[in-house]
C-alpha atoms as a PDB file:
ATOM      1  CA  MET A   1      11.489  39.940  94.378  1.00  0.00           C
ATOM      2  CA  PRO A   2      14.901  38.611  93.348  1.00  0.00           C
ATOM      3  CA  THR A   3      17.894  39.318  95.544  1.00  0.00           C
ATOM      4  CA  ALA A   4      21.545  39.895  94.664  1.00  0.00           C
ATOM      5  CA  VAL A   5      23.707  36.801  95.115  1.00  0.00           C
ATOM      6  CA  SER A   6      26.999  38.286  93.865  1.00  0.00           C
ATOM      7  CA  ALA A   7      28.418  41.530  92.546  1.00  0.00           C
ATOM      8  CA  HIS A   8      31.744  42.602  91.091  1.00  0.00           C
ATOM      9  CA  TYR A   9      33.391  45.295  89.003  1.00  0.00           C
ATOM     10  CA  ASP A  10      34.760  44.159  85.638  1.00  0.00           C
ATOM     11  CA  GLN A  11      37.663  46.477  84.764  1.00  0.00           C
ATOM     12  CA  GLN A  12      37.878  45.208  81.197  1.00  0.00           C
ATOM     13  CA  THR A  13      34.330  46.267  80.313  1.00  0.00           C
ATOM     14  CA  GLU A  14      34.200  49.007  82.997  1.00  0.00           C
ATOM     15  CA  ARG A  15      30.899  47.703  84.334  1.00  0.00           C
ATOM     16  CA  VAL A  16      29.436  46.702  87.674  1.00  0.00           C
ATOM     17  CA  ILE A  17      27.840  43.282  87.293  1.00  0.00           C
ATOM     18  CA  ILE A  18      25.210  42.014  89.725  1.00  0.00           C
ATOM     19  CA  ALA A  19      23.920  38.426  89.622  1.00  0.00           C
ATOM     20  CA  LEU A  20      20.381  37.954  90.924  1.00  0.00           C
ATOM     21  CA  SER A  21      18.792  34.933  92.556  1.00  0.00           C
ATOM     22  CA  SER A  22      16.481  34.655  89.534  1.00  0.00           C
ATOM     23  CA  GLY A  23      19.464  33.947  87.274  1.00  0.00           C
ATOM     24  CA  LEU A  24      19.338  37.410  85.695  1.00  0.00           C
ATOM     25  CA  GLU A  25      22.542  39.482  85.581  1.00  0.00           C
ATOM     26  CA  ILE A  26      22.477  43.261  85.537  1.00  0.00           C
ATOM     27  CA  ALA A  27      25.450  45.265  84.264  1.00  0.00           C
ATOM     28  CA  PHE A  28      25.883  49.035  84.190  1.00  0.00           C
ATOM     29  CA  LYS A  29      28.607  51.630  83.772  1.00  0.00           C
ATOM     30  CA  PRO A  30      29.374  53.444  87.040  1.00  0.00           C
ATOM     31  CA  HIS A  31      29.344  56.880  85.380  1.00  0.00           C
ATOM     32  CA  ASP A  32      25.611  56.372  84.771  1.00  0.00           C
ATOM     33  CA  VAL A  33      24.914  56.195  88.509  1.00  0.00           C
ATOM     34  CA  PRO A  34      24.821  59.428  90.541  1.00  0.00           C
ATOM     35  CA  CYS A  35      26.630  58.066  93.600  1.00  0.00           C
ATOM     36  CA  LEU A  36      29.363  56.346  91.539  1.00  0.00           C
ATOM     37  CA  VAL A  37      30.169  59.019  88.942  1.00  0.00           C
ATOM     38  CA  CYS A  38      33.580  59.970  90.368  1.00  0.00           C
ATOM     39  CA  ALA A  39      34.581  56.532  91.674  1.00  0.00           C
ATOM     40  CA  ALA A  40      37.976  55.070  90.807  1.00  0.00           C
ATOM     41  CA  PRO A  41      38.223  51.453  89.618  1.00  0.00           C
ATOM     42  CA  SER A  42      39.948  50.483  92.874  1.00  0.00           C
ATOM     43  CA  GLN A  43      36.990  51.876  94.845  1.00  0.00           C
ATOM     44  CA  LEU A  44      34.511  50.035  92.656  1.00  0.00           C
ATOM     45  CA  ALA A  45      36.369  46.737  92.981  1.00  0.00           C
ATOM     46  CA  ARG A  46      35.432  46.549  96.642  1.00  0.00           C
ATOM     47  CA  MET A  47      31.697  46.134  97.087  1.00  0.00           C
ATOM     48  CA  GLU A  48      29.567  44.238  99.561  1.00  0.00           C
ATOM     49  CA  LEU A  49      26.068  42.851  99.495  1.00  0.00           C
ATOM     50  CA  SER A  50      23.770  43.234 102.473  1.00  0.00           C
ATOM     51  CA  PRO A  51      22.820  39.966 104.205  1.00  0.00           C
ATOM     52  CA  SER A  52      19.345  40.261 102.673  1.00  0.00           C
ATOM     53  CA  GLY A  53      20.802  40.750  99.169  1.00  0.00           C
ATOM     54  CA  LEU A  54      18.721  43.896  98.758  1.00  0.00           C
ATOM     55  CA  GLU A  55      21.524  46.486  98.992  1.00  0.00           C
ATOM     56  CA  ILE A  56      24.940  46.955  97.409  1.00  0.00           C
ATOM     57  CA  HIS A  57      27.488  48.864  99.479  1.00  0.00           C
ATOM     58  CA  PHE A  58      30.750  50.464  98.323  1.00  0.00           C
ATOM     59  CA  PRO A  59      32.685  50.883 101.607  1.00  0.00           C
ATOM     60  CA  ASP A  60      35.574  52.874 100.090  1.00  0.00           C
ATOM     61  CA  LEU A  61      33.050  55.445  98.863  1.00  0.00           C
ATOM     62  CA  ASP A  62      30.689  55.177 101.830  1.00  0.00           C
ATOM     63  CA  LYS A  63      27.844  54.804  99.309  1.00  0.00           C
ATOM     64  CA  LYS A  64      25.109  52.236  98.915  1.00  0.00           C
ATOM     65  CA  PHE A  65      22.027  51.750  96.824  1.00  0.00           C
ATOM     66  CA  SER A  66      19.093  49.417  96.952  1.00  0.00           C
ATOM     67  CA  LEU A  67      18.471  46.677  94.459  1.00  0.00           C
ATOM     68  CA  SER A  68      14.863  47.866  94.156  1.00  0.00           C
ATOM     69  CA  ALA A  69      16.096  51.271  92.906  1.00  0.00           C
ATOM     70  CA  LEU A  70      18.116  49.448  90.272  1.00  0.00           C
ATOM     71  CA  LEU A  71      15.213  47.295  89.168  1.00  0.00           C
ATOM     72  CA  GLU A  72      12.773  50.218  89.156  1.00  0.00           C
ATOM     73  CA  GLY A  73      14.760  52.298  86.777  1.00  0.00           C
ATOM     74  CA  PHE A  74      18.167  53.768  86.838  1.00  0.00           C
ATOM     75  CA  LEU A  75      19.792  53.779  90.248  1.00  0.00           C
ATOM     76  CA  GLY A  76      18.920  57.358  90.967  1.00  0.00           C
ATOM     77  CA  SER A  77      16.180  59.795  91.639  1.00  0.00           C
ATOM     78  CA  TRP A  78      13.631  60.426  88.944  1.00  0.00           C
ATOM     79  CA  GLN A  79      14.948  64.004  88.712  1.00  0.00           C
ATOM     80  CA  TRP A  80      18.471  62.798  87.896  1.00  0.00           C
ATOM     81  CA  THR A  81      17.145  60.237  85.430  1.00  0.00           C
ATOM     82  CA  ALA A  82      14.986  62.876  83.709  1.00  0.00           C
ATOM     83  CA  ALA A  83      17.940  65.281  83.485  1.00  0.00           C
ATOM     84  CA  HIS A  84      20.202  62.546  82.119  1.00  0.00           C
ATOM     85  CA  MET A  85      17.651  61.468  79.523  1.00  0.00           C
ATOM     86  CA  GLY A  86      17.076  65.096  78.494  1.00  0.00           C
ATOM     87  CA  LYS A  87      20.803  65.580  78.065  1.00  0.00           C
ATOM     88  CA  VAL A  88      21.042  62.496  75.856  1.00  0.00           C
ATOM     89  CA  GLY A  89      17.987  63.481  73.828  1.00  0.00           C
ATOM     90  CA  GLY A  90      19.142  67.070  73.462  1.00  0.00           C
ATOM     91  CA  ALA A  91      22.481  65.921  72.068  1.00  0.00           C
ATOM     92  CA  SER A  92      20.876  63.928  69.271  1.00  0.00           C
ATOM     93  CA  THR A  93      20.774  65.379  65.781  1.00  0.00           C
ATOM     94  CA  SER A  94      18.637  64.599  62.767  1.00  0.00           C
ATOM     95  CA  ILE A  95      17.292  66.284  59.686  1.00  0.00           C
ATOM     96  CA  ARG A  96      13.825  66.222  61.245  1.00  0.00           C
ATOM     97  CA  LYS A  97      15.083  67.981  64.410  1.00  0.00           C
ATOM     98  CA  THR A  98      16.935  70.588  62.311  1.00  0.00           C
ATOM     99  CA  ASN A  99      13.833  71.290  60.220  1.00  0.00           C
ATOM    100  CA  ALA A 100      11.686  71.612  63.351  1.00  0.00           C
ATOM    101  CA  ALA A 101      14.160  74.091  64.876  1.00  0.00           C
ATOM    102  CA  ARG A 102      14.137  76.173  61.677  1.00  0.00           C
ATOM    103  CA  ALA A 103      10.336  76.176  61.551  1.00  0.00           C
ATOM    104  CA  ASN A 104      10.231  77.268  65.193  1.00  0.00           C
ATOM    105  CA  GLY A 105      12.698  80.055  64.406  1.00  0.00           C
ATOM    106  CA  ARG A 106      10.456  81.344  61.630  1.00  0.00           C
ATOM    107  CA  LEU A 107       7.648  81.580  64.185  1.00  0.00           C
ATOM    108  CA  GLY A 108       9.802  83.757  66.407  1.00  0.00           C
ATOM    109  CA  GLY A 109      11.670  81.062  68.305  1.00  0.00           C
ATOM    110  CA  ARG A 110      11.741  80.855  72.056  1.00  0.00           C
ATOM    111  CA  PRO A 111      10.395  83.792  74.004  1.00  0.00           C
ATOM    112  CA  ARG A 112      13.197  86.034  75.195  1.00  0.00           C
ATOM    113  CA  LYS A 113      13.958  86.007  78.886  1.00  0.00           C
ATOM    114  CA  VAL A 114      12.749  89.159  80.562  1.00  0.00           C
ATOM    115  CA  GLN A 115      15.441  90.820  82.623  1.00  0.00           C
ATOM    116  CA  PRO A 116      14.217  92.030  86.024  1.00  0.00           C
ATOM    117  CA  ALA A 117      14.194  95.798  86.444  1.00  0.00           C
ATOM    118  CA  GLN A 118      17.344  97.029  88.148  1.00  0.00           C
ATOM    119  CA  LYS A 119      17.087  99.294  91.151  1.00  0.00           C
ATOM    120  CA  ALA A 120      18.616 102.726  90.790  1.00  0.00           C
END
């Protein structure tokens, strides 16, 4: 498995850039990472690599993540990734999506939520 050999925050592109021992570079926007969402550029500018090159640590935020999590997917739990992808997909619009929503509406749409009976 490749290890991180350097990492820095590029303020111009607003991306964290990690160089791997394999020669590959990985870049991502901090707002796409759960533990870095609210980080200021000054906090992102200071990051450290573990001696093994398998973890990236942001001391000003007291946050770290493993390189394997980055390479496996999207720097977060599968729940967060699924929610993020659903949000992106739900925001998309197309004629096909509009027609499907209309057809679903003609069939009665989504079932109404049943309100629990209130106690007297």
